[in-house]
Amino acid sequence: MLLTSATLLLALSGYAALCMASPFGPCRKCSGTGLRELRKGAKTCRRCHGRRRRLRIGTRAYNAWRRTHAAGTRPTTNPKGAPPWR
């Protein structure tokens, strides 16, 4: 149980470090080429719009959490020295 928890924690922290270092990863649909092969020829990828990179799932989840947290907290525009409830 302890070994499994440690391995999971290590994997999650490694993925979080990867998302912080490189928030964009290659598009999974076009394999990072920006083009989709069709019978008639090639078209730009619909998912990445030809840019070849997309936000990683972890980065997308972190951004959603940050937006939710910012929307749910009150702004702190108090004068200096005033308590937050005034």
PDB file of N, CA and C in Angstrom:
ATOM      1  N   MET A   1       0.822  -1.188   0.000  1.00  0.00           N
ATOM      2  CA  MET A   1       0.000   0.000   0.000  1.00  0.00           C
ATOM      3  C   MET A   1       0.868   1.254   0.000  1.00  0.00           C
ATOM      4  N   LEU A   2       1.899   1.257   0.821  1.00  0.00           N
ATOM      5  CA  LEU A   2       2.783   2.407   0.906  1.00  0.00           C
ATOM      6  C   LEU A   2       3.575   2.581  -0.391  1.00  0.00           C
ATOM      7  N   LEU A   3       4.008   1.493  -0.968  1.00  0.00           N
ATOM      8  CA  LEU A   3       4.765   1.559  -2.217  1.00  0.00           C
ATOM      9  C   LEU A   3       3.891   2.077  -3.351  1.00  0.00           C
ATOM     10  N   THR A   4       2.645   1.649  -3.393  1.00  0.00           N
ATOM     11  CA  THR A   4       1.709   2.108  -4.416  1.00  0.00           C
ATOM     12  C   THR A   4       1.428   3.599  -4.269  1.00  0.00           C
ATOM     13  N   SER A   5       1.224   4.052  -3.037  1.00  0.00           N
ATOM     14  CA  SER A   5       0.963   5.469  -2.787  1.00  0.00           C
ATOM     15  C   SER A   5       2.170   6.326  -3.155  1.00  0.00           C
ATOM     16  N   ALA A   6       3.362   5.846  -2.811  1.00  0.00           N
ATOM     17  CA  ALA A   6       4.577   6.590  -3.139  1.00  0.00           C
ATOM     18  C   ALA A   6       4.789   6.659  -4.645  1.00  0.00           C
ATOM     19  N   THR A   7       4.517   5.572  -5.341  1.00  0.00           N
ATOM     20  CA  THR A   7       4.661   5.555  -6.803  1.00  0.00           C
ATOM     21  C   THR A   7       3.663   6.496  -7.460  1.00  0.00           C
ATOM     22  N   LEU A   8       2.428   6.486  -6.981  1.00  0.00           N
ATOM     23  CA  LEU A   8       1.407   7.379  -7.522  1.00  0.00           C
ATOM     24  C   LEU A   8       1.764   8.842  -7.266  1.00  0.00           C
ATOM     25  N   LEU A   9       2.228   9.148  -6.075  1.00  0.00           N
ATOM     26  CA  LEU A   9       2.628  10.511  -5.740  1.00  0.00           C
ATOM     27  C   LEU A   9       3.809  10.957  -6.592  1.00  0.00           C
ATOM     28  N   LEU A  10       4.752  10.084  -6.822  1.00  0.00           N
ATOM     29  CA  LEU A  10       5.909  10.396  -7.658  1.00  0.00           C
ATOM     30  C   LEU A  10       5.481  10.647  -9.105  1.00  0.00           C
ATOM     31  N   ALA A  11       4.577   9.829  -9.621  1.00  0.00           N
ATOM     32  CA  ALA A  11       4.105   9.994 -10.996  1.00  0.00           C
ATOM     33  C   ALA A  11       3.331  11.304 -11.149  1.00  0.00           C
ATOM     34  N   LEU A  12       2.473  11.621 -10.179  1.00  0.00           N
ATOM     35  CA  LEU A  12       1.704  12.865 -10.254  1.00  0.00           C
ATOM     36  C   LEU A  12       2.597  14.093 -10.131  1.00  0.00           C
ATOM     37  N   SER A  13       3.580  14.041  -9.269  1.00  0.00           N
ATOM     38  CA  SER A  13       4.478  15.190  -9.142  1.00  0.00           C
ATOM     39  C   SER A  13       5.339  15.339 -10.392  1.00  0.00           C
ATOM     40  N   GLY A  14       5.717  14.240 -11.010  1.00  0.00           N
ATOM     41  CA  GLY A  14       6.462  14.313 -12.271  1.00  0.00           C
ATOM     42  C   GLY A  14       5.634  14.917 -13.391  1.00  0.00           C
ATOM     43  N   TYR A  15       4.347  14.537 -13.462  1.00  0.00           N
ATOM     44  CA  TYR A  15       3.464  15.097 -14.492  1.00  0.00           C
ATOM     45  C   TYR A  15       3.203  16.577 -14.230  1.00  0.00           C
ATOM     46  N   ALA A  16       3.070  16.958 -12.954  1.00  0.00           N
ATOM     47  CA  ALA A  16       2.877  18.374 -12.618  1.00  0.00           C
ATOM     48  C   ALA A  16       4.109  19.182 -13.006  1.00  0.00           C
ATOM     49  N   ALA A  17       5.296  18.629 -12.793  1.00  0.00           N
ATOM     50  CA  ALA A  17       6.526  19.318 -13.198  1.00  0.00           C
ATOM     51  C   ALA A  17       6.599  19.437 -14.722  1.00  0.00           C
ATOM     52  N   LEU A  18       6.176  18.404 -15.433  1.00  0.00           N
ATOM     53  CA  LEU A  18       6.155  18.457 -16.893  1.00  0.00           C
ATOM     54  C   LEU A  18       5.192  19.523 -17.385  1.00  0.00           C
ATOM     55  N   CYS A  19       4.016  19.620 -16.752  1.00  0.00           N
ATOM     56  CA  CYS A  19       3.036  20.633 -17.148  1.00  0.00           C
ATOM     57  C   CYS A  19       3.537  22.040 -16.860  1.00  0.00           C
ATOM     58  N   MET A  20       4.299  22.209 -15.789  1.00  0.00           N
ATOM     59  CA  MET A  20       4.846  23.527 -15.485  1.00  0.00           C
ATOM     60  C   MET A  20       5.963  23.893 -16.456  1.00  0.00           C
ATOM     61  N   ALA A  21       6.799  22.934 -16.802  1.00  0.00           N
ATOM     62  CA  ALA A  21       7.930  23.200 -17.686  1.00  0.00           C
ATOM     63  C   ALA A  21       7.492  23.360 -19.142  1.00  0.00           C
ATOM     64  N   SER A  22       6.545  22.555 -19.563  1.00  0.00           N
ATOM     65  CA  SER A  22       6.086  22.587 -20.957  1.00  0.00           C
ATOM     66  C   SER A  22       4.580  22.408 -20.982  1.00  0.00           C
ATOM     67  N   PRO A  23       3.804  23.506 -20.900  1.00  0.00           N
ATOM     68  CA  PRO A  23       2.353  23.375 -20.834  1.00  0.00           C
ATOM     69  C   PRO A  23       1.712  22.878 -22.126  1.00  0.00           C
ATOM     70  N   PHE A  24       2.410  22.985 -23.234  1.00  0.00           N
ATOM     71  CA  PHE A  24       1.868  22.530 -24.507  1.00  0.00           C
ATOM     72  C   PHE A  24       2.531  21.223 -24.911  1.00  0.00           C
ATOM     73  N   GLY A  25       1.724  20.281 -25.407  1.00  0.00           N
ATOM     74  CA  GLY A  25       2.222  19.009 -25.893  1.00  0.00           C
ATOM     75  C   GLY A  25       1.815  18.819 -27.346  1.00  0.00           C
ATOM     76  N   PRO A  26       2.353  17.815 -28.012  1.00  0.00           N
ATOM     77  CA  PRO A  26       1.978  17.589 -29.407  1.00  0.00           C
ATOM     78  C   PRO A  26       0.520  17.166 -29.527  1.00  0.00           C
ATOM     79  N   CYS A  27      -0.130  17.576 -30.600  1.00  0.00           N
ATOM     80  CA  CYS A  27      -1.525  17.215 -30.842  1.00  0.00           C
ATOM     81  C   CYS A  27      -1.617  15.707 -31.048  1.00  0.00           C
ATOM     82  N   ARG A  28      -2.574  15.067 -30.373  1.00  0.00           N
ATOM     83  CA  ARG A  28      -2.708  13.615 -30.490  1.00  0.00           C
ATOM     84  C   ARG A  28      -3.406  13.208 -31.773  1.00  0.00           C
ATOM     85  N   LYS A  29      -4.219  14.084 -32.319  1.00  0.00           N
ATOM     86  CA  LYS A  29      -4.973  13.729 -33.523  1.00  0.00           C
ATOM     87  C   LYS A  29      -4.068  13.680 -34.757  1.00  0.00           C
ATOM     88  N   CYS A  30      -3.225  14.696 -34.921  1.00  0.00           N
ATOM     89  CA  CYS A  30      -2.378  14.759 -36.116  1.00  0.00           C
ATOM     90  C   CYS A  30      -0.938  14.361 -35.822  1.00  0.00           C
ATOM     91  N   SER A  31      -0.661  13.899 -34.608  1.00  0.00           N
ATOM     92  CA  SER A  31       0.684  13.489 -34.167  1.00  0.00           C
ATOM     93  C   SER A  31       1.702  14.614 -34.289  1.00  0.00           C
ATOM     94  N   GLY A  32       1.254  15.844 -34.133  1.00  0.00           N
ATOM     95  CA  GLY A  32       2.147  16.989 -34.149  1.00  0.00           C
ATOM     96  C   GLY A  32       2.553  17.467 -35.528  1.00  0.00           C
ATOM     97  N   THR A  33       1.850  17.049 -36.579  1.00  0.00           N
ATOM     98  CA  THR A  33       2.203  17.520 -37.920  1.00  0.00           C
ATOM     99  C   THR A  33       1.387  18.729 -38.339  1.00  0.00           C
ATOM    100  N   GLY A  34       0.196  18.886 -37.776  1.00  0.00           N
ATOM    101  CA  GLY A  34      -0.670  20.001 -38.144  1.00  0.00           C
ATOM    102  C   GLY A  34      -1.576  19.690 -39.317  1.00  0.00           C
ATOM    103  N   LEU A  35      -1.383  18.524 -39.937  1.00  0.00           N
ATOM    104  CA  LEU A  35      -2.175  18.141 -41.107  1.00  0.00           C
ATOM    105  C   LEU A  35      -2.820  16.779 -40.881  1.00  0.00           C
ATOM    106  N   ARG A  36      -3.995  16.588 -41.439  1.00  0.00           N
ATOM    107  CA  ARG A  36      -4.678  15.298 -41.397  1.00  0.00           C
ATOM    108  C   ARG A  36      -4.696  14.732 -42.807  1.00  0.00           C
ATOM    109  N   GLU A  37      -4.299  13.486 -42.942  1.00  0.00           N
ATOM    110  CA  GLU A  37      -4.299  12.816 -44.237  1.00  0.00           C
ATOM    111  C   GLU A  37      -5.708  12.324 -44.555  1.00  0.00           C
ATOM    112  N   LEU A  38      -6.239  12.697 -45.679  1.00  0.00           N
ATOM    113  CA  LEU A  38      -7.551  12.246 -46.125  1.00  0.00           C
ATOM    114  C   LEU A  38      -7.412  11.583 -47.480  1.00  0.00           C
ATOM    115  N   ARG A  39      -8.499  11.006 -47.959  1.00  0.00           N
ATOM    116  CA  ARG A  39      -8.456  10.366 -49.282  1.00  0.00           C
ATOM    117  C   ARG A  39      -8.166  11.381 -50.372  1.00  0.00           C
ATOM    118  N   LYS A  40      -8.732  12.569 -50.255  1.00  0.00           N
ATOM    119  CA  LYS A  40      -8.565  13.593 -51.288  1.00  0.00           C
ATOM    120  C   LYS A  40      -7.271  14.381 -51.137  1.00  0.00           C
ATOM    121  N   GLY A  41      -6.623  14.291 -50.023  1.00  0.00           N
ATOM    122  CA  GLY A  41      -5.399  15.064 -49.783  1.00  0.00           C
ATOM    123  C   GLY A  41      -5.243  15.342 -48.307  1.00  0.00           C
ATOM    124  N   ALA A  42      -4.574  16.421 -48.005  1.00  0.00           N
ATOM    125  CA  ALA A  42      -4.327  16.779 -46.610  1.00  0.00           C
ATOM    126  C   ALA A  42      -5.095  18.051 -46.259  1.00  0.00           C
ATOM    127  N   LYS A  43      -5.593  18.091 -45.031  1.00  0.00           N
ATOM    128  CA  LYS A  43      -6.280  19.275 -44.511  1.00  0.00           C
ATOM    129  C   LYS A  43      -5.654  19.641 -43.182  1.00  0.00           C
ATOM    130  N   THR A  44      -5.868  20.863 -42.776  1.00  0.00           N
ATOM    131  CA  THR A  44      -5.384  21.268 -41.456  1.00  0.00           C
ATOM    132  C   THR A  44      -6.159  20.524 -40.372  1.00  0.00           C
ATOM    133  N   CYS A  45      -5.478  20.224 -39.306  1.00  0.00           N
ATOM    134  CA  CYS A  45      -6.077  19.493 -38.199  1.00  0.00           C
ATOM    135  C   CYS A  45      -7.122  20.367 -37.516  1.00  0.00           C
ATOM    136  N   ARG A  46      -8.285  19.786 -37.214  1.00  0.00           N
ATOM    137  CA  ARG A  46      -9.361  20.544 -36.565  1.00  0.00           C
ATOM    138  C   ARG A  46      -9.074  20.817 -35.096  1.00  0.00           C
ATOM    139  N   ARG A  47      -8.392  19.917 -34.452  1.00  0.00           N
ATOM    140  CA  ARG A  47      -8.139  20.088 -33.015  1.00  0.00           C
ATOM    141  C   ARG A  47      -7.118  21.177 -32.724  1.00  0.00           C
ATOM    142  N   CYS A  48      -6.001  21.158 -33.438  1.00  0.00           N
ATOM    143  CA  CYS A  48      -4.933  22.123 -33.146  1.00  0.00           C
ATOM    144  C   CYS A  48      -4.913  23.288 -34.128  1.00  0.00           C
ATOM    145  N   HIS A  49      -5.777  23.265 -35.130  1.00  0.00           N
ATOM    146  CA  HIS A  49      -5.867  24.317 -36.155  1.00  0.00           C
ATOM    147  C   HIS A  49      -4.534  24.533 -36.866  1.00  0.00           C
ATOM    148  N   GLY A  50      -3.779  23.471 -37.045  1.00  0.00           N
ATOM    149  CA  GLY A  50      -2.517  23.540 -37.775  1.00  0.00           C
ATOM    150  C   GLY A  50      -1.351  24.048 -36.951  1.00  0.00           C
ATOM    151  N   ARG A  51      -1.542  24.308 -35.675  1.00  0.00           N
ATOM    152  CA  ARG A  51      -0.466  24.827 -34.827  1.00  0.00           C
ATOM    153  C   ARG A  51       0.414  23.724 -34.260  1.00  0.00           C
ATOM    154  N   ARG A  52       0.005  22.487 -34.361  1.00  0.00           N
ATOM    155  CA  ARG A  52       0.739  21.288 -33.988  1.00  0.00           C
ATOM    156  C   ARG A  52       0.891  21.077 -32.489  1.00  0.00           C
ATOM    157  N   ARG A  53       0.445  21.989 -31.643  1.00  0.00           N
ATOM    158  CA  ARG A  53       0.567  21.857 -30.203  1.00  0.00           C
ATOM    159  C   ARG A  53      -0.780  22.123 -29.546  1.00  0.00           C
ATOM    160  N   ARG A  54      -1.071  21.425 -28.440  1.00  0.00           N
ATOM    161  CA  ARG A  54      -2.296  21.641 -27.664  1.00  0.00           C
ATOM    162  C   ARG A  54      -1.950  21.678 -26.186  1.00  0.00           C
ATOM    163  N   LEU A  55      -2.817  22.292 -25.405  1.00  0.00           N
ATOM    164  CA  LEU A  55      -2.596  22.324 -23.958  1.00  0.00           C
ATOM    165  C   LEU A  55      -2.677  20.910 -23.398  1.00  0.00           C
ATOM    166  N   ARG A  56      -1.800  20.600 -22.474  1.00  0.00           N
ATOM    167  CA  ARG A  56      -1.848  19.296 -21.817  1.00  0.00           C
ATOM    168  C   ARG A  56      -3.076  19.221 -20.918  1.00  0.00           C
ATOM    169  N   ILE A  57      -3.536  18.021 -20.630  1.00  0.00           N
ATOM    170  CA  ILE A  57      -4.734  17.825 -19.813  1.00  0.00           C
ATOM    171  C   ILE A  57      -4.531  18.397 -18.410  1.00  0.00           C
ATOM    172  N   GLY A  58      -3.358  18.193 -17.827  1.00  0.00           N
ATOM    173  CA  GLY A  58      -3.067  18.720 -16.496  1.00  0.00           C
ATOM    174  C   GLY A  58      -3.072  20.236 -16.462  1.00  0.00           C
ATOM    175  N   THR A  59      -2.553  20.868 -17.498  1.00  0.00           N
ATOM    176  CA  THR A  59      -2.546  22.329 -17.575  1.00  0.00           C
ATOM    177  C   THR A  59      -3.962  22.851 -17.726  1.00  0.00           C
ATOM    178  N   ARG A  60      -4.743  22.168 -18.523  1.00  0.00           N
ATOM    179  CA  ARG A  60      -6.147  22.561 -18.718  1.00  0.00           C
ATOM    180  C   ARG A  60      -6.929  22.452 -17.404  1.00  0.00           C
ATOM    181  N   ALA A  61      -6.693  21.395 -16.637  1.00  0.00           N
ATOM    182  CA  ALA A  61      -7.371  21.215 -15.346  1.00  0.00           C
ATOM    183  C   ALA A  61      -6.923  22.268 -14.338  1.00  0.00           C
ATOM    184  N   TYR A  62      -5.629  22.585 -14.312  1.00  0.00           N
ATOM    185  CA  TYR A  62      -5.127  23.613 -13.399  1.00  0.00           C
ATOM    186  C   TYR A  62      -5.708  24.984 -13.736  1.00  0.00           C
ATOM    187  N   ASN A  63      -5.791  25.315 -15.017  1.00  0.00           N
ATOM    188  CA  ASN A  63      -6.365  26.598 -15.423  1.00  0.00           C
ATOM    189  C   ASN A  63      -7.838  26.688 -15.028  1.00  0.00           C
ATOM    190  N   ALA A  64      -8.581  25.605 -15.169  1.00  0.00           N
ATOM    191  CA  ALA A  64      -9.992  25.601 -14.780  1.00  0.00           C
ATOM    192  C   ALA A  64     -10.127  25.772 -13.272  1.00  0.00           C
ATOM    193  N   TRP A  65      -9.272  25.116 -12.488  1.00  0.00           N
ATOM    194  CA  TRP A  65      -9.309  25.267 -11.035  1.00  0.00           C
ATOM    195  C   TRP A  65      -8.979  26.701 -10.637  1.00  0.00           C
ATOM    196  N   ARG A  66      -7.970  27.293 -11.283  1.00  0.00           N
ATOM    197  CA  ARG A  66      -7.579  28.665 -10.966  1.00  0.00           C
ATOM    198  C   ARG A  66      -8.684  29.662 -11.293  1.00  0.00           C
ATOM    199  N   ARG A  67      -9.388  29.479 -12.426  1.00  0.00           N
ATOM    200  CA  ARG A  67     -10.511  30.357 -12.781  1.00  0.00           C
ATOM    201  C   ARG A  67     -11.644  30.226 -11.774  1.00  0.00           C
ATOM    202  N   THR A  68     -11.947  28.990 -11.360  1.00  0.00           N
ATOM    203  CA  THR A  68     -13.006  28.758 -10.380  1.00  0.00           C
ATOM    204  C   THR A  68     -12.649  29.378  -9.044  1.00  0.00           C
ATOM    205  N   HIS A  69     -11.420  29.227  -8.616  1.00  0.00           N
ATOM    206  CA  HIS A  69     -10.989  29.805  -7.349  1.00  0.00           C
ATOM    207  C   HIS A  69     -11.047  31.330  -7.407  1.00  0.00           C
ATOM    208  N   ALA A  70     -10.602  31.921  -8.498  1.00  0.00           N
ATOM    209  CA  ALA A  70     -10.621  33.382  -8.624  1.00  0.00           C
ATOM    210  C   ALA A  70     -12.045  33.919  -8.661  1.00  0.00           C
ATOM    211  N   ALA A  71     -12.967  33.174  -9.248  1.00  0.00           N
ATOM    212  CA  ALA A  71     -14.356  33.623  -9.305  1.00  0.00           C
ATOM    213  C   ALA A  71     -15.046  33.490  -7.958  1.00  0.00           C
ATOM    214  N   GLY A  72     -14.555  32.608  -7.101  1.00  0.00           N
ATOM    215  CA  GLY A  72     -15.215  32.364  -5.829  1.00  0.00           C
ATOM    216  C   GLY A  72     -14.646  33.133  -4.659  1.00  0.00           C
ATOM    217  N   THR A  73     -13.532  33.831  -4.854  1.00  0.00           N
ATOM    218  CA  THR A  73     -12.937  34.589  -3.755  1.00  0.00           C
ATOM    219  C   THR A  73     -13.231  36.071  -3.924  1.00  0.00           C
ATOM    220  N   ARG A  74     -13.334  36.746  -2.793  1.00  0.00           N
ATOM    221  CA  ARG A  74     -13.597  38.182  -2.822  1.00  0.00           C
ATOM    222  C   ARG A  74     -12.316  38.939  -3.115  1.00  0.00           C
ATOM    223  N   PRO A  75     -12.417  40.061  -3.807  1.00  0.00           N
ATOM    224  CA  PRO A  75     -11.208  40.863  -4.011  1.00  0.00           C
ATOM    225  C   PRO A  75     -10.752  41.485  -2.695  1.00  0.00           C
ATOM    226  N   THR A  76      -9.479  41.665  -2.547  1.00  0.00           N
ATOM    227  CA  THR A  76      -8.939  42.223  -1.310  1.00  0.00           C
ATOM    228  C   THR A  76      -8.481  43.655  -1.568  1.00  0.00           C
ATOM    229  N   THR A  77      -9.427  44.566  -1.700  1.00  0.00           N
ATOM    230  CA  THR A  77      -9.106  45.972  -1.936  1.00  0.00           C
ATOM    231  C   THR A  77      -9.442  46.778  -0.692  1.00  0.00           C
ATOM    232  N   ASN A  78      -8.782  46.465   0.409  1.00  0.00           N
ATOM    233  CA  ASN A  78      -8.989  47.173   1.666  1.00  0.00           C
ATOM    234  C   ASN A  78      -7.899  48.220   1.841  1.00  0.00           C
ATOM    235  N   PRO A  79      -8.203  49.324   2.539  1.00  0.00           N
ATOM    236  CA  PRO A  79      -7.136  50.273   2.857  1.00  0.00           C
ATOM    237  C   PRO A  79      -6.131  49.626   3.802  1.00  0.00           C
ATOM    238  N   LYS A  80      -4.950  50.167   3.813  1.00  0.00           N
ATOM    239  CA  LYS A  80      -3.906  49.583   4.668  1.00  0.00           C
ATOM    240  C   LYS A  80      -4.314  49.642   6.134  1.00  0.00           C
ATOM    241  N   GLY A  81      -4.133  48.540   6.810  1.00  0.00           N
ATOM    242  CA  GLY A  81      -4.408  48.483   8.230  1.00  0.00           C
ATOM    243  C   GLY A  81      -5.852  48.168   8.579  1.00  0.00           C
ATOM    244  N   ALA A  82      -6.765  48.199   7.611  1.00  0.00           N
ATOM    245  CA  ALA A  82      -8.166  47.905   7.910  1.00  0.00           C
ATOM    246  C   ALA A  82      -8.376  46.404   7.955  1.00  0.00           C
ATOM    247  N   PRO A  83      -9.180  45.915   8.900  1.00  0.00           N
ATOM    248  CA  PRO A  83      -9.454  44.475   8.905  1.00  0.00           C
ATOM    249  C   PRO A  83     -10.297  44.086   7.687  1.00  0.00           C
ATOM    250  N   PRO A  84     -10.223  42.841   7.251  1.00  0.00           N
ATOM    251  CA  PRO A  84     -10.903  42.436   6.021  1.00  0.00           C
ATOM    252  C   PRO A  84     -12.424  42.463   6.112  1.00  0.00           C
ATOM    253  N   TRP A  85     -13.018  42.504   7.312  1.00  0.00           N
ATOM    254  CA  TRP A  85     -14.471  42.481   7.409  1.00  0.00           C
ATOM    255  C   TRP A  85     -15.086  43.867   7.371  1.00  0.00           C
ATOM    256  N   ARG A  86     -14.317  44.914   7.252  1.00  0.00           N
ATOM    257  CA  ARG A  86     -14.858  46.272   7.160  1.00  0.00           C
ATOM    258  C   ARG A  86     -14.891  46.757   5.756  1.00  0.00           C
TER     259      ARG A  86
END
